[in-house]
Amino acid sequence: MAIYKFISWNVNGIRAVDKKEALKWVDEADIHLLGVQETKSMKEQIPKTIFDKEFKTMTASASAIKGRSGTALFTDIETTFECNCPSVDVLDEGRINEVHFTSGDKDIAFFNVYFPNGQSKEERLVYKMEFYDRFLEHCEKLKKEGKSIIVCGDVNTAHKEIDLARPKANEKTSGFLPMERAWIDKFLSHGYTDTLRHVIGDKPEHYSWWSYRANARENNVGWRIDYFYVSDDLKDYIKDAYILSDVMGSDHCPIALEIQI
């Protein structure tokens, strides 16, 4: 059985992160797959200098509107399939990398996703909820085909009150609306596990995003909106899940999953 380390990070602009040299730590970390979100770049614009490590595979998605969204996935795992999931990302906003690989007796579909933000206007909230449902439908289809599922990325919703510092003040804010939280309930009820909660239980004050305003990060006034999910058949293979809150360079910090398959 192999032990894999997966990292997910919303970098909030991969070229900005490159200028800060904020991904250089990847060279010292034994990472088998790195998923980054909100690259704000085309594939060919992702700097070669972000780290020295040369992964076997790099796949990226870019928004049809330049300078927005964008995801990239780097891995040393031998993939058998790669796509940007157009049946879910119907507006071509550069939100998903899907790769398949096998390990042991598991046939795995791995997703790196930048889920939509619903805060700008009502129609974007509607789109976010539709995107959520299309994504769940796609995962369920793959499960029926015998795939195990791993999902990482910025889900843009805090699930429960312990997942943000100020739940009462944000009850009417997209990212903590009842309908958004209910979708995570629905997703998990279809046979998926929130890996961090599986490992740490209901410990509070574990956040992955902080506003740039009012010294929010220094005061840990944050939200946990970045997740690793696995289909329940992989639950017992989880070795560890954690947040890398000391890594700077974005308004998000990276999150990690270690799994033995």
Protein backbone atom coordinates (compact mmCIF):
# COMPACT_ATOMS: atom_id res chain seq x y z
CA MET A 1 0.00 0.00 0.00
CA ALA A 2 1.22 3.48 -0.87
CA ILE A 3 0.95 6.51 1.41
CA TYR A 4 0.05 9.63 -0.55
CA LYS A 5 0.24 13.25 0.55
CA PHE A 6 -2.19 15.57 -1.20
CA ILE A 7 -2.15 19.38 -0.81
CA SER A 8 -4.86 21.87 -1.81
CA TRP A 9 -4.43 25.66 -1.83
CA ASN A 10 -6.39 28.63 -3.13
CA VAL A 11 -3.41 30.78 -4.11
CA ASN A 12 -5.44 33.89 -5.08
CA GLY A 13 -3.28 34.49 -8.16
CA ILE A 14 -0.45 32.10 -8.98
CA ARG A 15 1.73 34.78 -10.57
CA ALA A 16 1.45 36.90 -7.41
CA VAL A 17 2.38 33.85 -5.32
CA ASP A 18 5.38 33.28 -7.60
CA LYS A 19 6.60 36.83 -7.00
CA LYS A 20 6.36 36.24 -3.24
CA GLU A 21 8.12 32.84 -3.66
CA ALA A 22 5.27 31.50 -1.56
CA LEU A 23 5.20 28.03 -3.16
CA LYS A 24 8.91 27.24 -2.74
CA TRP A 25 8.12 25.11 0.34
CA VAL A 26 6.78 22.50 -2.08
CA ASP A 27 10.40 21.60 -2.92
CA GLU A 28 11.00 20.46 0.66
CA ALA A 29 7.67 18.68 1.10
CA ASP A 30 7.05 15.13 -0.07
CA ILE A 31 3.89 15.89 -2.05
CA HIS A 32 2.34 13.42 -4.48
CA LEU A 33 -0.40 15.73 -5.74
CA LEU A 34 -0.87 19.49 -5.45
CA GLY A 35 -4.14 21.15 -6.41
CA VAL A 36 -4.25 24.94 -6.61
CA GLN A 37 -7.29 27.13 -7.17
CA GLU A 38 -7.90 30.69 -8.31
CA THR A 39 -4.72 30.76 -10.39
CA LYS A 40 -6.10 33.70 -12.41
CA SER A 41 -4.00 32.54 -15.36
CA MET A 42 -3.96 30.51 -18.54
CA LYS A 43 -1.99 27.25 -18.44
CA GLU A 44 0.92 28.76 -20.37
CA GLN A 45 1.03 31.73 -17.95
CA ILE A 46 1.72 29.56 -14.89
CA PRO A 47 5.34 30.43 -14.06
CA LYS A 48 7.94 27.67 -14.27
CA THR A 49 9.60 29.28 -11.24
CA ILE A 50 6.84 28.61 -8.66
CA PHE A 51 8.94 25.68 -7.40
CA ASP A 52 11.90 23.66 -8.66
CA LYS A 53 10.25 20.27 -8.31
CA GLU A 54 9.21 18.78 -11.64
CA PHE A 55 5.99 16.84 -11.38
CA LYS A 56 5.27 14.20 -14.03
CA THR A 57 1.89 15.69 -14.89
CA MET A 58 0.46 19.21 -14.84
CA THR A 59 -3.08 19.86 -15.95
CA ALA A 60 -4.81 23.25 -15.77
CA SER A 61 -8.13 24.91 -16.47
CA ALA A 62 -8.59 28.58 -17.29
CA SER A 63 -11.58 30.88 -17.39
CA ALA A 64 -12.93 32.01 -20.74
CA ILE A 65 -12.75 35.47 -19.14
CA LYS A 66 -9.03 36.05 -18.64
CA GLY A 67 -7.69 36.80 -15.19
CA ARG A 68 -10.42 35.01 -13.24
CA SER A 69 -10.77 31.64 -11.52
CA GLY A 70 -8.47 28.95 -12.91
CA THR A 71 -7.19 25.72 -11.37
CA ALA A 72 -4.04 23.65 -11.77
CA LEU A 73 -3.11 20.16 -10.64
CA PHE A 74 0.45 18.84 -10.36
CA THR A 75 1.14 15.17 -9.67
CA ASP A 76 3.71 12.39 -9.79
CA ILE A 77 0.96 9.77 -9.80
CA GLU A 78 0.43 8.01 -13.13
CA THR A 79 -2.94 9.27 -14.35
CA THR A 80 -5.23 7.31 -16.68
CA PHE A 81 -7.63 10.16 -17.52
CA GLU A 82 -7.62 13.97 -17.37
CA CYS A 83 -10.33 16.53 -18.12
CA ASN A 84 -11.73 19.89 -16.99
CA CYS A 85 -15.23 18.53 -16.41
CA PRO A 86 -17.25 20.65 -18.89
CA SER A 87 -20.53 18.98 -17.84
CA VAL A 88 -20.17 20.68 -14.42
CA ASP A 89 -18.23 23.85 -15.35
CA VAL A 90 -20.83 24.77 -17.97
CA LEU A 91 -19.84 28.46 -18.15
CA ASP A 92 -16.22 27.53 -18.89
CA GLU A 93 -14.92 29.45 -15.87
CA GLY A 94 -11.86 27.25 -15.31
CA ARG A 95 -13.06 25.65 -12.10
CA ILE A 96 -12.18 21.93 -12.20
CA ASN A 97 -9.37 19.49 -12.84
CA GLU A 98 -10.46 15.85 -12.88
CA VAL A 99 -7.86 13.07 -13.02
CA HIS A 100 -8.19 9.32 -12.58
CA PHE A 101 -5.61 6.89 -11.25
CA THR A 102 -5.47 3.44 -9.71
CA SER A 103 -3.87 2.45 -6.41
CA GLY A 104 -4.16 -1.03 -4.96
CA ASP A 105 -7.67 -2.21 -5.70
CA LYS A 106 -9.07 1.35 -5.86
CA ASP A 107 -9.95 3.15 -9.08
CA ILE A 108 -9.90 6.81 -8.04
CA ALA A 109 -11.40 9.95 -9.54
CA PHE A 110 -9.64 12.96 -8.02
CA PHE A 111 -11.12 16.46 -8.30
CA ASN A 112 -9.44 19.81 -7.74
CA VAL A 113 -12.25 22.37 -7.64
CA TYR A 114 -12.74 26.10 -7.23
CA PHE A 115 -16.46 26.25 -6.43
CA PRO A 116 -18.25 29.51 -7.28
CA ASN A 117 -18.58 32.37 -4.82
CA GLY A 118 -22.18 33.51 -4.34
CA GLN A 119 -21.57 36.91 -2.78
CA SER A 120 -21.52 39.29 -5.73
CA LYS A 121 -25.18 39.03 -6.82
CA GLU A 122 -28.23 36.80 -6.61
CA GLU A 123 -27.66 35.16 -10.00
CA ARG A 124 -24.19 34.03 -8.91
CA LEU A 125 -25.69 32.41 -5.80
CA VAL A 126 -28.18 30.60 -8.03
CA TYR A 127 -25.32 29.49 -10.28
CA LYS A 128 -23.31 28.33 -7.26
CA MET A 129 -26.16 26.10 -6.08
CA GLU A 130 -26.64 24.69 -9.59
CA PHE A 131 -22.89 24.04 -9.84
CA TYR A 132 -22.99 22.21 -6.49
CA ASP A 133 -25.80 19.93 -7.72
CA ARG A 134 -24.14 19.22 -11.07
CA PHE A 135 -20.94 18.32 -9.26
CA LEU A 136 -22.67 15.90 -6.88
CA GLU A 137 -24.50 14.32 -9.82
CA HIS A 138 -21.18 13.84 -11.64
CA CYS A 139 -19.53 12.26 -8.58
CA GLU A 140 -22.48 9.92 -8.09
CA LYS A 141 -22.31 8.82 -11.73
CA LEU A 142 -18.62 7.95 -11.32
CA LYS A 143 -19.32 6.10 -8.06
CA LYS A 144 -21.89 3.96 -9.87
CA GLU A 145 -19.15 3.11 -12.38
CA GLY A 146 -17.02 1.79 -9.51
CA LYS A 147 -14.86 4.84 -8.84
CA SER A 148 -13.71 6.00 -5.42
CA ILE A 149 -13.84 9.80 -5.10
CA ILE A 150 -11.42 12.34 -3.64
CA VAL A 151 -12.32 16.04 -3.80
CA CYS A 152 -10.13 18.97 -2.80
CA GLY A 153 -10.59 22.68 -3.15
CA ASP A 154 -12.25 25.90 -2.15
CA VAL A 155 -15.92 25.06 -1.56
CA ASN A 156 -16.72 28.70 -0.64
CA THR A 157 -19.02 27.62 2.20
CA ALA A 158 -18.42 27.10 5.92
CA HIS A 159 -20.37 24.00 6.88
CA LYS A 160 -21.18 24.45 10.56
CA GLU A 161 -20.96 27.15 13.22
CA ILE A 162 -17.59 25.77 14.39
CA ASP A 163 -16.26 26.40 10.87
CA LEU A 164 -16.17 30.17 11.20
CA ALA A 165 -15.26 32.59 13.96
CA ARG A 166 -18.44 34.69 13.79
CA PRO A 167 -21.38 32.53 12.72
CA LYS A 168 -24.15 34.79 14.05
CA ALA A 169 -22.84 37.84 12.19
CA ASN A 170 -22.73 35.87 8.91
CA GLU A 171 -26.06 34.04 8.90
CA LYS A 172 -27.25 36.11 5.92
CA THR A 173 -23.91 36.14 4.09
CA SER A 174 -23.27 33.88 1.11
CA GLY A 175 -20.77 31.32 2.30
CA PHE A 176 -22.85 30.56 5.39
CA LEU A 177 -26.42 30.66 4.14
CA PRO A 178 -28.73 27.81 5.22
CA MET A 179 -29.11 26.59 1.62
CA GLU A 180 -25.33 26.44 1.10
CA ARG A 181 -24.75 24.62 4.38
CA ALA A 182 -27.62 22.25 3.56
CA TRP A 183 -25.91 21.30 0.31
CA ILE A 184 -22.81 20.16 2.23
CA ASP A 185 -25.15 18.11 4.44
CA LYS A 186 -26.67 16.62 1.29
CA PHE A 187 -23.27 15.92 -0.26
CA LEU A 188 -22.00 14.15 2.87
CA SER A 189 -25.26 12.18 3.17
CA HIS A 190 -24.57 10.66 -0.26
CA GLY A 191 -21.60 8.83 1.23
CA TYR A 192 -18.73 11.30 1.53
CA THR A 193 -16.51 12.21 4.49
CA ASP A 194 -15.11 15.59 5.55
CA THR A 195 -11.57 14.35 6.20
CA LEU A 196 -10.51 17.06 8.66
CA ARG A 197 -13.53 16.49 10.89
CA HIS A 198 -12.94 12.75 10.62
CA VAL A 199 -9.47 13.30 12.11
CA ILE A 200 -9.96 16.15 14.61
CA GLY A 201 -13.66 15.86 15.49
CA ASP A 202 -15.44 19.04 16.55
CA LYS A 203 -12.38 21.07 17.54
CA PRO A 204 -13.12 24.77 16.84
CA GLU A 205 -10.89 27.53 15.44
CA HIS A 206 -9.52 25.52 12.51
CA TYR A 207 -9.82 27.94 9.59
CA SER A 208 -8.45 28.14 6.05
CA TRP A 209 -9.45 31.65 4.92
CA TRP A 210 -9.20 35.08 6.55
CA SER A 211 -10.23 38.49 5.27
CA TYR A 212 -7.36 40.85 4.49
CA ARG A 213 -9.17 43.43 6.63
CA ALA A 214 -8.91 44.19 10.35
CA ASN A 215 -5.95 41.88 11.10
CA ALA A 216 -8.31 38.93 10.71
CA ARG A 217 -5.55 36.37 10.23
CA GLU A 218 -3.46 37.58 13.16
CA ASN A 219 -6.58 37.36 15.34
CA ASN A 220 -7.72 34.07 13.75
CA VAL A 221 -11.10 35.52 12.77
CA GLY A 222 -11.47 33.08 9.91
CA TRP A 223 -13.61 30.64 7.98
CA ARG A 224 -13.03 27.00 7.03
CA ILE A 225 -14.13 26.93 3.41
CA ASP A 226 -11.43 24.66 1.95
CA TYR A 227 -11.93 20.91 2.21
CA PHE A 228 -10.73 17.45 1.36
CA TYR A 229 -13.65 15.04 0.94
CA VAL A 230 -13.40 11.31 0.23
CA SER A 231 -16.07 8.78 -0.66
CA ASP A 232 -16.88 6.69 2.39
CA ASP A 233 -15.14 3.58 1.00
CA LEU A 234 -11.84 5.49 1.49
CA LYS A 235 -12.64 6.71 5.02
CA ASP A 236 -10.66 3.98 6.77
CA TYR A 237 -7.62 4.71 4.57
CA ILE A 238 -7.21 8.27 5.92
CA LYS A 239 -3.91 8.63 7.80
CA ASP A 240 -4.11 12.35 8.57
CA ALA A 241 -5.81 15.59 7.54
CA TYR A 242 -4.71 19.05 8.64
CA ILE A 243 -4.49 22.75 7.86
CA LEU A 244 -1.14 24.41 7.09
CA SER A 245 -2.04 27.70 8.75
CA ASP A 246 1.57 28.93 8.94
CA VAL A 247 1.97 29.05 5.15
CA MET A 248 1.51 32.63 3.94
CA GLY A 249 1.11 34.14 0.49
CA SER A 250 -2.68 34.14 0.01
CA ASP A 251 -5.82 34.96 1.98
CA HIS A 252 -6.26 31.16 2.16
CA CYS A 253 -3.78 28.68 3.58
CA PRO A 254 -3.09 25.19 2.23
CA ILE A 255 -4.81 22.08 3.54
CA ALA A 256 -3.50 18.51 3.47
CA LEU A 257 -4.71 14.93 3.29
CA GLU A 258 -2.52 11.88 3.86
CA ILE A 259 -4.06 8.60 2.78
CA GLN A 260 -2.77 5.04 2.54
CA ILE A 261 -4.25 3.08 -0.35
